[in-house]
Amino acid sequence: MAKQSILGRIAQLAKANINALLDQAEDPQLMLDQMVRDYSNSISEAESAIAQTIGNLRLLEQDHREDIEAAGDWGRKALAASAKADELRAAGNTTDAAKFDNLARVAISRQLTAENEAKQAEPTIASQTEVVEKLKSGLEAMRGKLGELTAKRDELISRAKVAEAQGQVHDAIKSIDLLDPTSELGRFEEKIRREEARVLGQQELAASSLDAQFESLEDVGRQAEIDARLSALKSGGQSAVTAGPITREQ
């Protein structure tokens, strides 16, 4: 996977508008689950690619340091060889002096080669460093987006469970409304009231019957008194009428 394609993919995923995607989804929870899986896989791939890119950059940096060190080392060798040549030449040994001058030239040539290699590597190191920083930044953005996705999914699942529970409560309330137990209690109470009224009627009827019996007893006594006065009237004359109430013998 090329670094540019990785960088483009990271940028695309990091900029994804979760809310807009959810609005278009037929099943938001399933879509979020799939997005979490895709992001997790992409992050894993990106981490592997970034690690490889960083590793390559560190190798370039190491080679650059070695070239710089080599250039310095060859520069010191060239300086030492030149100094030795000057010393031999001053002593009249031109032959050996020429040999050390040649050694100095060889050292300078290698110094230049090392310097050129180091210089040529610097733009690549700079661009690779920039790419690595962008990849790291994009990876952090993807990790943040993954956390956002996970939180959104958990929130959606929680809301779905709440909605389901509310639906069950609503269904239970509807069932209670359809089969209202208070209506049965009302009918039962009305039945009891009718029974109580019937008992009250029976009691009132019984009381009326008892009063009638006492009244009949009073009528019997009155009739007996009338009969006694009539008998006294027949036997005693007018005086019996005003004689006052007749008392019965005990």
Protein backbone atom coordinates (compact mmCIF):
# COMPACT_ATOMS: atom_id res chain seq x y z
CA MET A 1 0.00 0.00 0.00
CA ALA A 2 1.53 3.32 -1.08
CA LYS A 3 2.08 6.01 1.49
CA GLN A 4 -0.03 8.52 -0.43
CA SER A 5 -2.97 6.13 -0.68
CA ILE A 6 -2.70 5.43 3.05
CA LEU A 7 -2.62 9.13 3.80
CA GLY A 8 -5.63 9.75 1.53
CA ARG A 9 -7.60 6.93 3.10
CA ILE A 10 -6.84 8.13 6.63
CA ALA A 11 -7.90 11.65 5.71
CA GLN A 12 -11.13 10.40 4.12
CA LEU A 13 -12.07 8.26 7.12
CA ALA A 14 -11.13 10.94 9.63
CA LYS A 15 -13.37 13.48 7.87
CA ALA A 16 -16.39 11.15 7.68
CA ASN A 17 -19.60 12.81 8.88
CA ILE A 18 -21.11 10.22 11.19
CA ASN A 19 -24.44 11.99 11.69
CA ALA A 20 -24.98 12.39 7.95
CA LEU A 21 -24.20 8.72 7.40
CA LEU A 22 -26.61 7.73 10.17
CA ASP A 23 -29.38 9.79 8.60
CA GLN A 24 -28.99 7.81 5.37
CA ALA A 25 -28.76 4.39 7.02
CA GLU A 26 -31.72 2.02 7.09
CA ASP A 27 -30.36 0.37 10.25
CA PRO A 28 -28.06 2.85 12.06
CA GLN A 29 -26.86 0.30 14.62
CA LEU A 30 -25.79 -2.20 11.97
CA MET A 31 -24.10 0.59 10.04
CA LEU A 32 -22.23 1.78 13.14
CA ASP A 33 -21.12 -1.78 13.92
CA GLN A 34 -19.77 -2.09 10.38
CA MET A 35 -18.08 1.32 10.58
CA VAL A 36 -16.42 0.37 13.88
CA ARG A 37 -15.09 -2.81 12.27
CA ASP A 38 -13.91 -0.91 9.18
CA TYR A 39 -12.21 1.78 11.25
CA SER A 40 -10.56 -0.80 13.49
CA ASN A 41 -9.22 -2.68 10.45
CA SER A 42 -8.10 0.55 8.78
CA ILE A 43 -6.34 1.69 11.94
CA SER A 44 -4.56 -1.66 12.18
CA GLU A 45 -3.45 -1.41 8.55
CA ALA A 46 -2.42 2.21 8.98
CA GLU A 47 -0.41 1.40 12.10
CA SER A 48 1.46 -1.31 10.21
CA ALA A 49 2.13 0.95 7.22
CA ILE A 50 3.15 3.89 9.40
CA ALA A 51 5.48 1.67 11.42
CA GLN A 52 7.13 0.55 8.16
CA THR A 53 7.37 4.15 6.95
CA ILE A 54 8.90 5.25 10.23
CA GLY A 55 11.34 2.34 10.06
CA ASN A 56 12.41 3.34 6.55
CA LEU A 57 12.84 6.94 7.71
CA ARG A 58 14.98 5.89 10.63
CA LEU A 59 17.21 3.87 8.24
CA LEU A 60 17.58 6.92 5.99
CA GLU A 61 18.46 9.05 9.02
CA GLN A 62 20.97 6.45 10.16
CA ASP A 63 22.60 6.32 6.70
CA HIS A 64 22.69 10.12 6.65
CA ARG A 65 24.44 10.24 10.01
CA GLU A 66 26.94 7.62 8.82
CA ASP A 67 27.63 9.64 5.66
CA ILE A 68 28.19 12.77 7.74
CA GLU A 69 30.50 10.86 10.08
CA ALA A 70 32.30 9.28 7.13
CA ALA A 71 32.77 12.67 5.49
CA GLY A 72 34.28 14.00 8.70
CA ASP A 73 36.50 10.96 9.07
CA TRP A 74 37.80 11.19 5.47
CA GLY A 75 38.35 14.89 5.96
CA ARG A 76 40.55 14.22 8.98
CA LYS A 77 42.44 11.50 7.05
CA ALA A 78 42.99 13.89 4.12
CA LEU A 79 44.30 16.50 6.51
CA ALA A 80 46.68 14.01 8.15
CA ALA A 81 47.95 12.70 4.79
CA SER A 82 48.54 16.24 3.49
CA ALA A 83 50.38 17.18 6.66
CA LYS A 84 52.58 14.11 6.34
CA ALA A 85 53.33 14.92 2.70
CA ASP A 86 54.36 18.45 3.66
CA GLU A 87 56.59 17.07 6.39
CA LEU A 88 58.31 14.61 4.01
CA ARG A 89 58.68 17.23 1.33
CA ALA A 90 60.30 19.58 3.84
CA ALA A 91 62.73 16.77 4.70
CA GLY A 92 63.63 16.39 1.00
CA ASN A 93 61.73 13.13 0.54
CA THR A 94 59.64 14.13 -2.42
CA THR A 95 58.79 10.60 -3.47
CA ASP A 96 57.07 9.68 -0.21
CA ALA A 97 55.61 13.17 -0.01
CA ALA A 98 53.89 12.58 -3.38
CA LYS A 99 52.49 9.27 -2.07
CA PHE A 100 50.90 10.97 0.94
CA ASP A 101 49.53 13.73 -1.27
CA ASN A 102 47.87 11.02 -3.36
CA LEU A 103 46.45 9.49 -0.18
CA ALA A 104 45.10 12.91 0.78
CA ARG A 105 43.44 13.19 -2.65
CA VAL A 106 41.82 9.76 -2.22
CA ALA A 107 40.54 10.74 1.23
CA ILE A 108 39.18 14.03 -0.12
CA SER A 109 37.42 12.15 -2.95
CA ARG A 110 35.75 9.82 -0.50
CA GLN A 111 34.89 12.75 1.73
CA LEU A 112 33.13 14.41 -1.20
CA THR A 113 31.28 11.20 -2.01
CA ALA A 114 30.02 10.86 1.57
CA GLU A 115 29.04 14.54 1.67
CA ASN A 116 27.12 14.23 -1.62
CA GLU A 117 25.28 11.12 -0.44
CA ALA A 118 24.32 12.86 2.78
CA LYS A 119 23.17 15.95 0.86
CA GLN A 120 21.12 13.89 -1.58
CA ALA A 121 19.38 12.05 1.27
CA GLU A 122 18.32 15.22 3.08
CA PRO A 123 15.30 16.11 0.83
CA THR A 124 14.04 12.53 1.05
CA ILE A 125 14.44 12.54 4.82
CA ALA A 126 12.59 15.85 5.04
CA SER A 127 9.68 14.65 2.87
CA GLN A 128 9.49 11.32 4.68
CA THR A 129 9.48 13.11 8.03
CA GLU A 130 6.57 15.25 6.84
CA VAL A 131 4.70 12.18 5.61
CA VAL A 132 5.27 10.38 8.91
CA GLU A 133 3.97 13.38 10.88
CA LYS A 134 0.87 13.55 8.68
CA LEU A 135 0.33 9.82 9.04
CA LYS A 136 0.67 10.05 12.81
CA SER A 137 -1.75 12.99 12.94
CA GLY A 138 -4.21 11.19 10.68
CA LEU A 139 -3.93 8.04 12.75
CA GLU A 140 -4.74 9.98 15.93
CA ALA A 141 -7.73 11.52 14.14
CA MET A 142 -8.90 8.05 13.13
CA ARG A 143 -8.53 6.80 16.69
CA GLY A 144 -10.59 9.76 17.87
CA LYS A 145 -13.19 9.03 15.21
CA LEU A 146 -13.25 5.39 16.27
CA GLY A 147 -13.93 6.50 19.85
CA GLU A 148 -16.70 8.76 18.56
CA LEU A 149 -18.17 5.90 16.55
CA THR A 150 -18.05 3.54 19.51
CA ALA A 151 -19.69 6.10 21.80
CA LYS A 152 -22.36 6.81 19.19
CA ARG A 153 -23.05 3.10 18.79
CA ASP A 154 -23.30 2.58 22.56
CA GLU A 155 -25.62 5.59 22.83
CA LEU A 156 -27.79 4.25 20.01
CA ILE A 157 -27.99 0.80 21.57
CA SER A 158 -28.90 2.34 24.94
CA ARG A 159 -31.60 4.49 23.34
CA ALA A 160 -32.94 1.47 21.47
CA LYS A 161 -33.20 -0.49 24.72
CA VAL A 162 -34.97 2.41 26.44
CA ALA A 163 -37.37 2.74 23.52
CA GLU A 164 -38.04 -0.99 23.61
CA ALA A 165 -38.74 -0.85 27.35
CA GLN A 166 -41.04 2.13 26.86
CA GLY A 167 -42.84 0.24 24.10
CA GLN A 168 -43.37 -2.72 26.40
CA VAL A 169 -44.75 -0.44 29.12
CA HIS A 170 -47.03 1.22 26.57
CA ASP A 171 -48.28 -2.17 25.38
CA ALA A 172 -48.91 -3.20 28.98
CA ILE A 173 -50.86 0.01 29.60
CA LYS A 174 -52.91 -0.59 26.48
CA SER A 175 -53.67 -4.12 27.70
CA ILE A 176 -54.78 -2.70 31.04
CA ASP A 177 -56.99 -0.19 29.26
CA LEU A 178 -58.58 -2.92 27.15
CA LEU A 179 -59.15 -5.19 30.13
CA ASP A 180 -59.80 -2.60 32.83
CA PRO A 181 -60.07 -4.44 36.16
CA THR A 182 -61.77 -1.43 37.72
CA SER A 183 -64.82 -2.05 35.54
CA GLU A 184 -65.10 -5.56 36.99
CA LEU A 185 -64.76 -4.12 40.49
CA GLY A 186 -67.49 -1.63 39.66
CA ARG A 187 -69.85 -4.36 38.55
CA PHE A 188 -69.05 -6.40 41.65
CA GLU A 189 -69.66 -3.36 43.87
CA GLU A 190 -73.00 -2.74 42.16
CA LYS A 191 -73.97 -6.35 42.79
CA ILE A 192 -73.12 -5.95 46.49
CA ARG A 193 -75.13 -2.74 46.67
CA ARG A 194 -78.16 -4.49 45.20
CA GLU A 195 -77.78 -7.30 47.73
CA GLU A 196 -77.50 -4.75 50.54
CA ALA A 197 -80.62 -3.01 49.29
CA ARG A 198 -82.47 -6.31 49.20
CA VAL A 199 -81.48 -7.05 52.77
CA LEU A 200 -82.57 -3.56 53.84
CA GLY A 201 -85.89 -4.13 52.13
CA GLN A 202 -86.37 -7.43 53.90
CA GLN A 203 -85.54 -5.80 57.22
CA GLU A 204 -87.97 -2.97 56.58
CA LEU A 205 -90.64 -5.43 55.52
CA ALA A 206 -90.06 -7.48 58.66
CA ALA A 207 -90.31 -4.37 60.81
CA SER A 208 -93.58 -3.38 59.13
CA SER A 209 -95.00 -6.84 59.73
CA LEU A 210 -94.07 -6.65 63.43
CA ASP A 211 -95.73 -3.23 63.80
CA ALA A 212 -98.84 -4.62 62.19
CA GLN A 213 -98.91 -7.45 64.69
CA PHE A 214 -98.69 -5.04 67.61
CA GLU A 215 -101.42 -2.91 66.07
CA SER A 216 -103.63 -5.97 65.73
CA LEU A 217 -103.08 -6.71 69.41
CA GLU A 218 -104.15 -3.18 70.26
CA ASP A 219 -107.27 -3.61 68.09
CA VAL A 220 -108.14 -6.81 69.94
CA GLY A 221 -107.87 -5.04 73.30
CA ARG A 222 -110.03 -2.14 72.09
CA GLN A 223 -112.66 -4.49 70.80
CA ALA A 224 -112.72 -6.35 74.11
CA GLU A 225 -113.23 -3.09 75.96
CA ILE A 226 -116.06 -2.14 73.63
CA ASP A 227 -117.71 -5.50 74.18
CA ALA A 228 -117.30 -5.16 77.99
CA ARG A 229 -118.90 -1.72 78.01
CA LEU A 230 -121.71 -2.92 75.87
CA SER A 231 -122.32 -5.75 78.32
CA ALA A 232 -122.18 -3.33 81.27
CA LEU A 233 -124.55 -1.03 79.50
CA LYS A 234 -127.05 -3.76 79.09
CA SER A 235 -126.82 -4.79 82.71
CA GLY A 236 -126.36 -1.44 84.49
CA GLY A 237 -128.09 1.13 82.43
CA GLN A 238 -126.98 4.66 81.63
CA SER A 239 -124.65 4.87 84.62
CA ALA A 240 -122.37 2.29 83.06
CA VAL A 241 -121.65 4.56 80.12
CA THR A 242 -120.10 7.26 82.36
CA ALA A 243 -118.61 4.96 84.87
CA GLY A 244 -115.18 5.20 83.27
CA PRO A 245 -113.06 2.58 81.76
CA ILE A 246 -113.82 -0.96 82.65
CA THR A 247 -110.94 -2.76 84.22
CA ARG A 248 -110.40 -6.36 83.64
CA GLU A 249 -110.12 -8.75 86.48
CA GLN A 250 -106.64 -9.96 86.96
